[in-house]
Amino acid sequence: MYAIFNNGGKQYLVKPGQIIQIEKLNKNIGEQVQFTQILMISNNNILKIGKPYLTNSVIKAHIINQGKHKKINIIKFKRRKHYKKQQGHRQSFTLVKIQEITNIT
């Protein structure tokens, strides 16, 4: 069984027991999370596709950790013009373990 859901403008393909990194959620470590914007669920040979989302379907997950990715250095430089600009960015993420995928129909 696997499912595709939408979160933070991205789509994720998940299976029960899988650990994934998603965009930061404003929840605490150890809390349960439910994703309802499910695009597709496949159970054995049965495939259900939403228009655009499936109704009565839920993906339950457990928050494991919150963190930040490695720093990305952004450098803008123009030679012979005395122009140099540096900037850094660290994207936040949430580590989530998928508990179960339920399809109530």
PDB file of N, CA and C in Angstrom:
ATOM      1  N   MET A   1       0.844  -1.176   0.000  1.00  0.00           N
ATOM      2  CA  MET A   1       0.000   0.000   0.000  1.00  0.00           C
ATOM      3  C   MET A   1       0.886   1.235   0.000  1.00  0.00           C
ATOM      4  N   TYR A   2       0.544   2.196  -0.851  1.00  0.00           N
ATOM      5  CA  TYR A   2       1.249   3.469  -0.857  1.00  0.00           C
ATOM      6  C   TYR A   2       0.280   4.574  -1.231  1.00  0.00           C
ATOM      7  N   ALA A   3       0.689   5.809  -0.967  1.00  0.00           N
ATOM      8  CA  ALA A   3      -0.164   6.956  -1.251  1.00  0.00           C
ATOM      9  C   ALA A   3       0.701   8.137  -1.668  1.00  0.00           C
ATOM     10  N   ILE A   4       0.081   9.056  -2.389  1.00  0.00           N
ATOM     11  CA  ILE A   4       0.725  10.319  -2.772  1.00  0.00           C
ATOM     12  C   ILE A   4      -0.109  11.437  -2.156  1.00  0.00           C
ATOM     13  N   PHE A   5       0.558  12.307  -1.377  1.00  0.00           N
ATOM     14  CA  PHE A   5      -0.154  13.425  -0.772  1.00  0.00           C
ATOM     15  C   PHE A   5       0.580  14.730  -1.042  1.00  0.00           C
ATOM     16  N   ASN A   6      -0.140  15.824  -0.829  1.00  0.00           N
ATOM     17  CA  ASN A   6       0.357  17.164  -1.107  1.00  0.00           C
ATOM     18  C   ASN A   6       0.566  17.888   0.218  1.00  0.00           C
ATOM     19  N   ASN A   7       1.761  18.502   0.392  1.00  0.00           N
ATOM     20  CA  ASN A   7       2.042  19.272   1.604  1.00  0.00           C
ATOM     21  C   ASN A   7       3.121  20.298   1.297  1.00  0.00           C
ATOM     22  N   GLY A   8       2.851  21.554   1.594  1.00  0.00           N
ATOM     23  CA  GLY A   8       3.847  22.596   1.400  1.00  0.00           C
ATOM     24  C   GLY A   8       4.203  22.830  -0.057  1.00  0.00           C
ATOM     25  N   GLY A   9       3.257  22.597  -0.977  1.00  0.00           N
ATOM     26  CA  GLY A   9       3.515  22.802  -2.393  1.00  0.00           C
ATOM     27  C   GLY A   9       4.300  21.681  -3.053  1.00  0.00           C
ATOM     28  N   LYS A  10       4.532  20.604  -2.331  1.00  0.00           N
ATOM     29  CA  LYS A  10       5.271  19.461  -2.869  1.00  0.00           C
ATOM     30  C   LYS A  10       4.421  18.204  -2.725  1.00  0.00           C
ATOM     31  N   GLN A  11       4.733  17.205  -3.550  1.00  0.00           N
ATOM     32  CA  GLN A  11       4.025  15.940  -3.490  1.00  0.00           C
ATOM     33  C   GLN A  11       4.980  14.856  -3.003  1.00  0.00           C
ATOM     34  N   TYR A  12       4.490  13.981  -2.125  1.00  0.00           N
ATOM     35  CA  TYR A  12       5.310  12.933  -1.529  1.00  0.00           C
ATOM     36  C   TYR A  12       4.649  11.577  -1.737  1.00  0.00           C
ATOM     37  N   LEU A  13       5.430  10.571  -2.132  1.00  0.00           N
ATOM     38  CA  LEU A  13       4.973   9.197  -2.234  1.00  0.00           C
ATOM     39  C   LEU A  13       5.436   8.476  -0.983  1.00  0.00           C
ATOM     40  N   VAL A  14       4.485   7.933  -0.216  1.00  0.00           N
ATOM     41  CA  VAL A  14       4.815   7.341   1.083  1.00  0.00           C
ATOM     42  C   VAL A  14       4.205   5.953   1.241  1.00  0.00           C
ATOM     43  N   LYS A  15       4.827   5.164   2.107  1.00  0.00           N
ATOM     44  CA  LYS A  15       4.341   3.849   2.517  1.00  0.00           C
ATOM     45  C   LYS A  15       4.299   3.831   4.039  1.00  0.00           C
ATOM     46  N   PRO A  16       3.472   2.990   4.650  1.00  0.00           N
ATOM     47  CA  PRO A  16       3.455   2.911   6.115  1.00  0.00           C
ATOM     48  C   PRO A  16       4.820   2.494   6.664  1.00  0.00           C
ATOM     49  N   GLY A  17       5.262   3.175   7.714  1.00  0.00           N
ATOM     50  CA  GLY A  17       6.554   2.898   8.341  1.00  0.00           C
ATOM     51  C   GLY A  17       7.701   3.701   7.759  1.00  0.00           C
ATOM     52  N   GLN A  18       7.461   4.455   6.701  1.00  0.00           N
ATOM     53  CA  GLN A  18       8.509   5.231   6.040  1.00  0.00           C
ATOM     54  C   GLN A  18       8.761   6.541   6.786  1.00  0.00           C
ATOM     55  N   ILE A  19      10.023   6.997   6.797  1.00  0.00           N
ATOM     56  CA  ILE A  19      10.399   8.272   7.405  1.00  0.00           C
ATOM     57  C   ILE A  19      10.749   9.246   6.281  1.00  0.00           C
ATOM     58  N   ILE A  20      10.105  10.429   6.291  1.00  0.00           N
ATOM     59  CA  ILE A  20      10.343  11.418   5.236  1.00  0.00           C
ATOM     60  C   ILE A  20      10.606  12.787   5.851  1.00  0.00           C
ATOM     61  N   GLN A  21      11.252  13.646   5.054  1.00  0.00           N
ATOM     62  CA  GLN A  21      11.470  15.043   5.419  1.00  0.00           C
ATOM     63  C   GLN A  21      10.482  15.890   4.646  1.00  0.00           C
ATOM     64  N   ILE A  22       9.705  16.697   5.361  1.00  0.00           N
ATOM     65  CA  ILE A  22       8.756  17.585   4.706  1.00  0.00           C
ATOM     66  C   ILE A  22       9.033  19.015   5.163  1.00  0.00           C
ATOM     67  N   GLU A  23       8.314  19.959   4.569  1.00  0.00           N
ATOM     68  CA  GLU A  23       8.447  21.356   4.975  1.00  0.00           C
ATOM     69  C   GLU A  23       8.047  21.489   6.445  1.00  0.00           C
ATOM     70  N   LYS A  24       8.601  22.490   7.123  1.00  0.00           N
ATOM     71  CA  LYS A  24       8.418  22.642   8.561  1.00  0.00           C
ATOM     72  C   LYS A  24       6.945  22.784   8.932  1.00  0.00           C
ATOM     73  N   LEU A  25       6.544  22.009   9.942  1.00  0.00           N
ATOM     74  CA  LEU A  25       5.215  22.099  10.529  1.00  0.00           C
ATOM     75  C   LEU A  25       5.336  22.735  11.905  1.00  0.00           C
ATOM     76  N   ASN A  26       4.388  23.574  12.258  1.00  0.00           N
ATOM     77  CA  ASN A  26       4.422  24.228  13.574  1.00  0.00           C
ATOM     78  C   ASN A  26       3.767  23.340  14.619  1.00  0.00           C
ATOM     79  N   LYS A  27       4.377  22.197  14.861  1.00  0.00           N
ATOM     80  CA  LYS A  27       3.914  21.229  15.859  1.00  0.00           C
ATOM     81  C   LYS A  27       5.122  20.805  16.688  1.00  0.00           C
ATOM     82  N   ASN A  28       4.868  20.175  17.830  1.00  0.00           N
ATOM     83  CA  ASN A  28       5.936  19.718  18.714  1.00  0.00           C
ATOM     84  C   ASN A  28       6.351  18.291  18.366  1.00  0.00           C
ATOM     85  N   ILE A  29       7.553  17.933  18.795  1.00  0.00           N
ATOM     86  CA  ILE A  29       8.053  16.576  18.588  1.00  0.00           C
ATOM     87  C   ILE A  29       7.187  15.605  19.381  1.00  0.00           C
ATOM     88  N   GLY A  30       6.785  14.514  18.748  1.00  0.00           N
ATOM     89  CA  GLY A  30       5.965  13.501  19.391  1.00  0.00           C
ATOM     90  C   GLY A  30       4.481  13.627  19.094  1.00  0.00           C
ATOM     91  N   GLU A  31       4.060  14.720  18.479  1.00  0.00           N
ATOM     92  CA  GLU A  31       2.648  14.903  18.169  1.00  0.00           C
ATOM     93  C   GLU A  31       2.235  14.091  16.952  1.00  0.00           C
ATOM     94  N   GLN A  32       0.939  13.804  16.869  1.00  0.00           N
ATOM     95  CA  GLN A  32       0.374  13.131  15.709  1.00  0.00           C
ATOM     96  C   GLN A  32      -0.047  14.183  14.690  1.00  0.00           C
ATOM     97  N   VAL A  33       0.130  13.867  13.411  1.00  0.00           N
ATOM     98  CA  VAL A  33      -0.239  14.758  12.324  1.00  0.00           C
ATOM     99  C   VAL A  33      -1.102  13.970  11.350  1.00  0.00           C
ATOM    100  N   GLN A  34      -2.115  14.633  10.777  1.00  0.00           N
ATOM    101  CA  GLN A  34      -2.947  13.996   9.767  1.00  0.00           C
ATOM    102  C   GLN A  34      -2.867  14.800   8.487  1.00  0.00           C
ATOM    103  N   PHE A  35      -2.632  14.114   7.374  1.00  0.00           N
ATOM    104  CA  PHE A  35      -2.620  14.739   6.064  1.00  0.00           C
ATOM    105  C   PHE A  35      -3.889  14.333   5.332  1.00  0.00           C
ATOM    106  N   THR A  36      -4.654  15.322   4.864  1.00  0.00           N
ATOM    107  CA  THR A  36      -5.923  15.035   4.206  1.00  0.00           C
ATOM    108  C   THR A  36      -5.909  15.346   2.714  1.00  0.00           C
ATOM    109  N   GLN A  37      -4.896  16.038   2.231  1.00  0.00           N
ATOM    110  CA  GLN A  37      -4.813  16.356   0.808  1.00  0.00           C
ATOM    111  C   GLN A  37      -4.147  15.197   0.069  1.00  0.00           C
ATOM    112  N   ILE A  38      -4.863  14.098  -0.053  1.00  0.00           N
ATOM    113  CA  ILE A  38      -4.329  12.883  -0.654  1.00  0.00           C
ATOM    114  C   ILE A  38      -4.731  12.848  -2.122  1.00  0.00           C
ATOM    115  N   LEU A  39      -3.749  12.697  -2.985  1.00  0.00           N
ATOM    116  CA  LEU A  39      -3.990  12.686  -4.429  1.00  0.00           C
ATOM    117  C   LEU A  39      -4.306  11.289  -4.951  1.00  0.00           C
ATOM    118  N   MET A  40      -3.647  10.266  -4.375  1.00  0.00           N
ATOM    119  CA  MET A  40      -3.821   8.915  -4.882  1.00  0.00           C
ATOM    120  C   MET A  40      -3.498   7.899  -3.793  1.00  0.00           C
ATOM    121  N   ILE A  41      -4.238   6.781  -3.800  1.00  0.00           N
ATOM    122  CA  ILE A  41      -3.955   5.661  -2.898  1.00  0.00           C
ATOM    123  C   ILE A  41      -3.967   4.381  -3.720  1.00  0.00           C
ATOM    124  N   SER A  42      -2.947   3.554  -3.507  1.00  0.00           N
ATOM    125  CA  SER A  42      -2.879   2.256  -4.163  1.00  0.00           C
ATOM    126  C   SER A  42      -2.821   1.178  -3.094  1.00  0.00           C
ATOM    127  N   ASN A  43      -3.789   0.260  -3.127  1.00  0.00           N
ATOM    128  CA  ASN A  43      -3.837  -0.849  -2.189  1.00  0.00           C
ATOM    129  C   ASN A  43      -3.894  -2.130  -3.002  1.00  0.00           C
ATOM    130  N   ASN A  44      -2.776  -2.864  -3.033  1.00  0.00           N
ATOM    131  CA  ASN A  44      -2.611  -4.045  -3.878  1.00  0.00           C
ATOM    132  C   ASN A  44      -2.842  -3.664  -5.346  1.00  0.00           C
ATOM    133  N   ASN A  45      -3.909  -4.122  -5.959  1.00  0.00           N
ATOM    134  CA  ASN A  45      -4.169  -3.786  -7.361  1.00  0.00           C
ATOM    135  C   ASN A  45      -5.271  -2.751  -7.524  1.00  0.00           C
ATOM    136  N   ILE A  46      -5.758  -2.204  -6.407  1.00  0.00           N
ATOM    137  CA  ILE A  46      -6.823  -1.204  -6.459  1.00  0.00           C
ATOM    138  C   ILE A  46      -6.198   0.190  -6.395  1.00  0.00           C
ATOM    139  N   LEU A  47      -6.486   1.010  -7.406  1.00  0.00           N
ATOM    140  CA  LEU A  47      -5.918   2.350  -7.508  1.00  0.00           C
ATOM    141  C   LEU A  47      -7.043   3.366  -7.435  1.00  0.00           C
ATOM    142  N   LYS A  48      -6.958   4.314  -6.478  1.00  0.00           N
ATOM    143  CA  LYS A  48      -7.967   5.364  -6.348  1.00  0.00           C
ATOM    144  C   LYS A  48      -7.288   6.707  -6.550  1.00  0.00           C
ATOM    145  N   ILE A  49      -7.836   7.493  -7.474  1.00  0.00           N
ATOM    146  CA  ILE A  49      -7.275   8.798  -7.815  1.00  0.00           C
ATOM    147  C   ILE A  49      -8.305   9.870  -7.481  1.00  0.00           C
ATOM    148  N   GLY A  50      -7.869  10.928  -6.798  1.00  0.00           N
ATOM    149  CA  GLY A  50      -8.763  12.006  -6.406  1.00  0.00           C
ATOM    150  C   GLY A  50      -8.932  13.041  -7.500  1.00  0.00           C
ATOM    151  N   LYS A  51      -9.993  13.844  -7.367  1.00  0.00           N
ATOM    152  CA  LYS A  51     -10.277  14.905  -8.332  1.00  0.00           C
ATOM    153  C   LYS A  51     -10.539  16.202  -7.591  1.00  0.00           C
ATOM    154  N   PRO A  52      -9.619  16.986  -7.118  1.00  0.00           N
ATOM    155  CA  PRO A  52      -8.189  16.752  -7.097  1.00  0.00           C
ATOM    156  C   PRO A  52      -7.750  15.915  -5.901  1.00  0.00           C
ATOM    157  N   TYR A  53      -8.571  15.887  -4.806  1.00  0.00           N
ATOM    158  CA  TYR A  53      -8.182  15.128  -3.618  1.00  0.00           C
ATOM    159  C   TYR A  53      -9.218  14.046  -3.323  1.00  0.00           C
ATOM    160  N   LEU A  54      -8.769  12.999  -2.639  1.00  0.00           N
ATOM    161  CA  LEU A  54      -9.673  11.940  -2.199  1.00  0.00           C
ATOM    162  C   LEU A  54     -10.403  12.396  -0.948  1.00  0.00           C
ATOM    163  N   THR A  55     -11.688  12.057  -0.855  1.00  0.00           N
ATOM    164  CA  THR A  55     -12.448  12.372   0.350  1.00  0.00           C
ATOM    165  C   THR A  55     -12.453  11.142   1.246  1.00  0.00           C
ATOM    166  N   ASN A  56     -12.617  11.354   2.524  1.00  0.00           N
ATOM    167  CA  ASN A  56     -12.662  10.285   3.532  1.00  0.00           C
ATOM    168  C   ASN A  56     -11.375   9.468   3.580  1.00  0.00           C
ATOM    169  N   SER A  57     -10.248  10.056   3.243  1.00  0.00           N
ATOM    170  CA  SER A  57      -8.955   9.375   3.314  1.00  0.00           C
ATOM    171  C   SER A  57      -8.003  10.204   4.168  1.00  0.00           C
ATOM    172  N   VAL A  58      -7.212   9.506   4.979  1.00  0.00           N
ATOM    173  CA  VAL A  58      -6.310  10.189   5.909  1.00  0.00           C
ATOM    174  C   VAL A  58      -4.987   9.443   5.973  1.00  0.00           C
ATOM    175  N   ILE A  59      -3.900  10.203   6.031  1.00  0.00           N
ATOM    176  CA  ILE A  59      -2.585   9.635   6.321  1.00  0.00           C
ATOM    177  C   ILE A  59      -2.198  10.121   7.709  1.00  0.00           C
ATOM    178  N   LYS A  60      -1.992   9.178   8.624  1.00  0.00           N
ATOM    179  CA  LYS A  60      -1.609   9.526   9.995  1.00  0.00           C
ATOM    180  C   LYS A  60      -0.098   9.374  10.139  1.00  0.00           C
ATOM    181  N   ALA A  61       0.530  10.386  10.751  1.00  0.00           N
ATOM    182  CA  ALA A  61       1.983  10.394  10.896  1.00  0.00           C
ATOM    183  C   ALA A  61       2.358  10.866  12.297  1.00  0.00           C
ATOM    184  N   HIS A  62       3.622  10.658  12.639  1.00  0.00           N
ATOM    185  CA  HIS A  62       4.166  10.964  13.957  1.00  0.00           C
ATOM    186  C   HIS A  62       5.415  11.817  13.752  1.00  0.00           C
ATOM    187  N   ILE A  63       5.498  12.986  14.396  1.00  0.00           N
ATOM    188  CA  ILE A  63       6.655  13.871  14.230  1.00  0.00           C
ATOM    189  C   ILE A  63       7.819  13.335  15.051  1.00  0.00           C
ATOM    190  N   ILE A  64       8.947  13.116  14.378  1.00  0.00           N
ATOM    191  CA  ILE A  64      10.147  12.587  15.029  1.00  0.00           C
ATOM    192  C   ILE A  64      11.099  13.700  15.431  1.00  0.00           C
ATOM    193  N   ASN A  65      11.316  14.663  14.523  1.00  0.00           N
ATOM    194  CA  ASN A  65      12.341  15.679  14.774  1.00  0.00           C
ATOM    195  C   ASN A  65      12.044  16.932  13.966  1.00  0.00           C
ATOM    196  N   GLN A  66      12.576  18.068  14.434  1.00  0.00           N
ATOM    197  CA  GLN A  66      12.574  19.332  13.697  1.00  0.00           C
ATOM    198  C   GLN A  66      14.030  19.718  13.486  1.00  0.00           C
ATOM    199  N   GLY A  67      14.358  20.333  12.366  1.00  0.00           N
ATOM    200  CA  GLY A  67      15.746  20.707  12.148  1.00  0.00           C
ATOM    201  C   GLY A  67      15.915  21.662  10.982  1.00  0.00           C
ATOM    202  N   LYS A  68      17.181  21.873  10.626  1.00  0.00           N
ATOM    203  CA  LYS A  68      17.525  22.737   9.496  1.00  0.00           C
ATOM    204  C   LYS A  68      18.522  22.017   8.604  1.00  0.00           C
ATOM    205  N   HIS A  69      18.429  22.285   7.302  1.00  0.00           N
ATOM    206  CA  HIS A  69      19.360  21.710   6.344  1.00  0.00           C
ATOM    207  C   HIS A  69      20.719  22.413   6.461  1.00  0.00           C
ATOM    208  N   LYS A  70      21.693  21.926   5.672  1.00  0.00           N
ATOM    209  CA  LYS A  70      22.988  22.586   5.618  1.00  0.00           C
ATOM    210  C   LYS A  70      22.843  23.984   5.030  1.00  0.00           C
ATOM    211  N   LYS A  71      23.778  24.852   5.363  1.00  0.00           N
ATOM    212  CA  LYS A  71      23.736  26.228   4.904  1.00  0.00           C
ATOM    213  C   LYS A  71      24.070  26.315   3.422  1.00  0.00           C
ATOM    214  N   ILE A  72      23.286  27.108   2.708  1.00  0.00           N
ATOM    215  CA  ILE A  72      23.546  27.386   1.293  1.00  0.00           C
ATOM    216  C   ILE A  72      24.095  28.799   1.201  1.00  0.00           C
ATOM    217  N   ASN A  73      25.275  28.960   0.580  1.00  0.00           N
ATOM    218  CA  ASN A  73      25.871  30.281   0.410  1.00  0.00           C
ATOM    219  C   ASN A  73      25.449  30.861  -0.932  1.00  0.00           C
ATOM    220  N   ILE A  74      24.954  32.092  -0.892  1.00  0.00           N
ATOM    221  CA  ILE A  74      24.522  32.799  -2.094  1.00  0.00           C
ATOM    222  C   ILE A  74      25.482  33.958  -2.290  1.00  0.00           C
ATOM    223  N   ILE A  75      26.165  33.977  -3.428  1.00  0.00           N
ATOM    224  CA  ILE A  75      27.156  35.016  -3.706  1.00  0.00           C
ATOM    225  C   ILE A  75      26.792  35.710  -5.012  1.00  0.00           C
ATOM    226  N   LYS A  76      26.692  37.034  -4.947  1.00  0.00           N
ATOM    227  CA  LYS A  76      26.498  37.846  -6.152  1.00  0.00           C
ATOM    228  C   LYS A  76      27.767  38.661  -6.326  1.00  0.00           C
ATOM    229  N   PHE A  77      28.325  38.627  -7.513  1.00  0.00           N
ATOM    230  CA  PHE A  77      29.635  39.246  -7.742  1.00  0.00           C
ATOM    231  C   PHE A  77      29.704  39.806  -9.155  1.00  0.00           C
ATOM    232  N   LYS A  78      30.196  41.051  -9.265  1.00  0.00           N
ATOM    233  CA  LYS A  78      30.446  41.658 -10.574  1.00  0.00           C
ATOM    234  C   LYS A  78      31.897  42.118 -10.600  1.00  0.00           C
ATOM    235  N   ARG A  79      32.660  41.578 -11.489  1.00  0.00           N
ATOM    236  CA  ARG A  79      34.082  41.891 -11.516  1.00  0.00           C
ATOM    237  C   ARG A  79      34.320  43.330 -11.974  1.00  0.00           C
ATOM    238  N   ARG A  80      35.374  43.899 -11.441  1.00  0.00           N
ATOM    239  CA  ARG A  80      35.842  45.260 -11.738  1.00  0.00           C
ATOM    240  C   ARG A  80      34.832  46.347 -11.393  1.00  0.00           C
ATOM    241  N   LYS A  81      33.811  46.054 -10.619  1.00  0.00           N
ATOM    242  CA  LYS A  81      32.796  47.053 -10.261  1.00  0.00           C
ATOM    243  C   LYS A  81      32.712  47.278  -8.757  1.00  0.00           C
ATOM    244  N   HIS A  82      33.578  46.609  -7.975  1.00  0.00           N
ATOM    245  CA  HIS A  82      33.554  46.693  -6.513  1.00  0.00           C
ATOM    246  C   HIS A  82      32.186  46.317  -5.958  1.00  0.00           C
ATOM    247  N   TYR A  83      31.620  45.264  -6.514  1.00  0.00           N
ATOM    248  CA  TYR A  83      30.321  44.787  -6.045  1.00  0.00           C
ATOM    249  C   TYR A  83      30.421  43.314  -5.682  1.00  0.00           C
ATOM    250  N   LYS A  84      30.146  43.028  -4.411  1.00  0.00           N
ATOM    251  CA  LYS A  84      30.122  41.656  -3.937  1.00  0.00           C
ATOM    252  C   LYS A  84      29.108  41.579  -2.798  1.00  0.00           C
ATOM    253  N   LYS A  85      28.202  40.636  -2.907  1.00  0.00           N
ATOM    254  CA  LYS A  85      27.164  40.475  -1.900  1.00  0.00           C
ATOM    255  C   LYS A  85      27.082  39.002  -1.521  1.00  0.00           C
ATOM    256  N   GLN A  86      27.104  38.706  -0.219  1.00  0.00           N
ATOM    257  CA  GLN A  86      27.021  37.334   0.260  1.00  0.00           C
ATOM    258  C   GLN A  86      25.811  37.194   1.169  1.00  0.00           C
ATOM    259  N   GLN A  87      25.183  36.038   1.054  1.00  0.00           N
ATOM    260  CA  GLN A  87      24.018  35.759   1.864  1.00  0.00           C
ATOM    261  C   GLN A  87      23.965  34.256   2.120  1.00  0.00           C
ATOM    262  N   GLY A  88      23.403  33.855   3.254  1.00  0.00           N
ATOM    263  CA  GLY A  88      23.260  32.434   3.573  1.00  0.00           C
ATOM    264  C   GLY A  88      21.809  32.093   3.859  1.00  0.00           C
ATOM    265  N   HIS A  89      21.468  30.810   3.676  1.00  0.00           N
ATOM    266  CA  HIS A  89      20.099  30.367   3.931  1.00  0.00           C
ATOM    267  C   HIS A  89      20.108  28.937   4.453  1.00  0.00           C
ATOM    268  N   ARG A  90      19.311  28.681   5.488  1.00  0.00           N
ATOM    269  CA  ARG A  90      19.117  27.322   6.008  1.00  0.00           C
ATOM    270  C   ARG A  90      17.620  27.049   6.044  1.00  0.00           C
ATOM    271  N   GLN A  91      17.184  26.076   5.247  1.00  0.00           N
ATOM    272  CA  GLN A  91      15.771  25.729   5.174  1.00  0.00           C
ATOM    273  C   GLN A  91      15.386  24.817   6.336  1.00  0.00           C
ATOM    274  N   SER A  92      14.270  25.111   6.982  1.00  0.00           N
ATOM    275  CA  SER A  92      13.777  24.292   8.087  1.00  0.00           C
ATOM    276  C   SER A  92      13.007  23.090   7.549  1.00  0.00           C
ATOM    277  N   PHE A  93      13.037  21.988   8.287  1.00  0.00           N
ATOM    278  CA  PHE A  93      12.294  20.795   7.886  1.00  0.00           C
ATOM    279  C   PHE A  93      11.747  20.084   9.110  1.00  0.00           C
ATOM    280  N   THR A  94      10.818  19.174   8.861  1.00  0.00           N
ATOM    281  CA  THR A  94      10.244  18.318   9.892  1.00  0.00           C
ATOM    282  C   THR A  94      10.414  16.877   9.446  1.00  0.00           C
ATOM    283  N   LEU A  95      10.919  16.040  10.331  1.00  0.00           N
ATOM    284  CA  LEU A  95      11.090  14.617  10.055  1.00  0.00           C
ATOM    285  C   LEU A  95       9.850  13.892  10.575  1.00  0.00           C
ATOM    286  N   VAL A  96       9.188  13.138   9.677  1.00  0.00           N
ATOM    287  CA  VAL A  96       7.902  12.528   9.984  1.00  0.00           C
ATOM    288  C   VAL A  96       7.948  11.036   9.673  1.00  0.00           C
ATOM    289  N   LYS A  97       7.354  10.224  10.563  1.00  0.00           N
ATOM    290  CA  LYS A  97       7.220   8.786  10.306  1.00  0.00           C
ATOM    291  C   LYS A  97       5.754   8.486  10.022  1.00  0.00           C
ATOM    292  N   ILE A  98       5.498   7.865   8.882  1.00  0.00           N
ATOM    293  CA  ILE A  98       4.142   7.535   8.470  1.00  0.00           C
ATOM    294  C   ILE A  98       3.657   6.324   9.277  1.00  0.00           C
ATOM    295  N   GLN A  99       2.541   6.483   9.988  1.00  0.00           N
ATOM    296  CA  GLN A  99       1.990   5.414  10.805  1.00  0.00           C
ATOM    297  C   GLN A  99       1.053   4.522   9.991  1.00  0.00           C
ATOM    298  N   GLU A 100       0.022   5.147   9.398  1.00  0.00           N
ATOM    299  CA  GLU A 100      -0.942   4.360   8.639  1.00  0.00           C
ATOM    300  C   GLU A 100      -1.618   5.206   7.563  1.00  0.00           C
ATOM    301  N   ILE A 101      -2.118   4.512   6.558  1.00  0.00           N
ATOM    302  CA  ILE A 101      -2.867   5.127   5.467  1.00  0.00           C
ATOM    303  C   ILE A 101      -4.257   4.505   5.503  1.00  0.00           C
ATOM    304  N   THR A 102      -5.277   5.340   5.728  1.00  0.00           N
ATOM    305  CA  THR A 102      -6.639   4.818   5.807  1.00  0.00           C
ATOM    306  C   THR A 102      -7.464   5.365   4.656  1.00  0.00           C
ATOM    307  N   ASN A 103      -8.245   4.498   4.054  1.00  0.00           N
ATOM    308  CA  ASN A 103      -9.127   4.863   2.953  1.00  0.00           C
ATOM    309  C   ASN A 103     -10.518   4.368   3.307  1.00  0.00           C
ATOM    310  N   ILE A 104     -11.393   5.276   3.715  1.00  0.00           N
ATOM    311  CA  ILE A 104     -12.738   4.912   4.148  1.00  0.00           C
ATOM    312  C   ILE A 104     -13.705   5.156   2.999  1.00  0.00           C
ATOM    313  N   THR A 105     -14.082   4.090   2.315  1.00  0.00           N
ATOM    314  CA  THR A 105     -15.087   4.223   1.242  1.00  0.00           C
ATOM    315  C   THR A 105     -16.005   3.041   1.226  1.00  0.00           C
TER     316      THR A 105
END
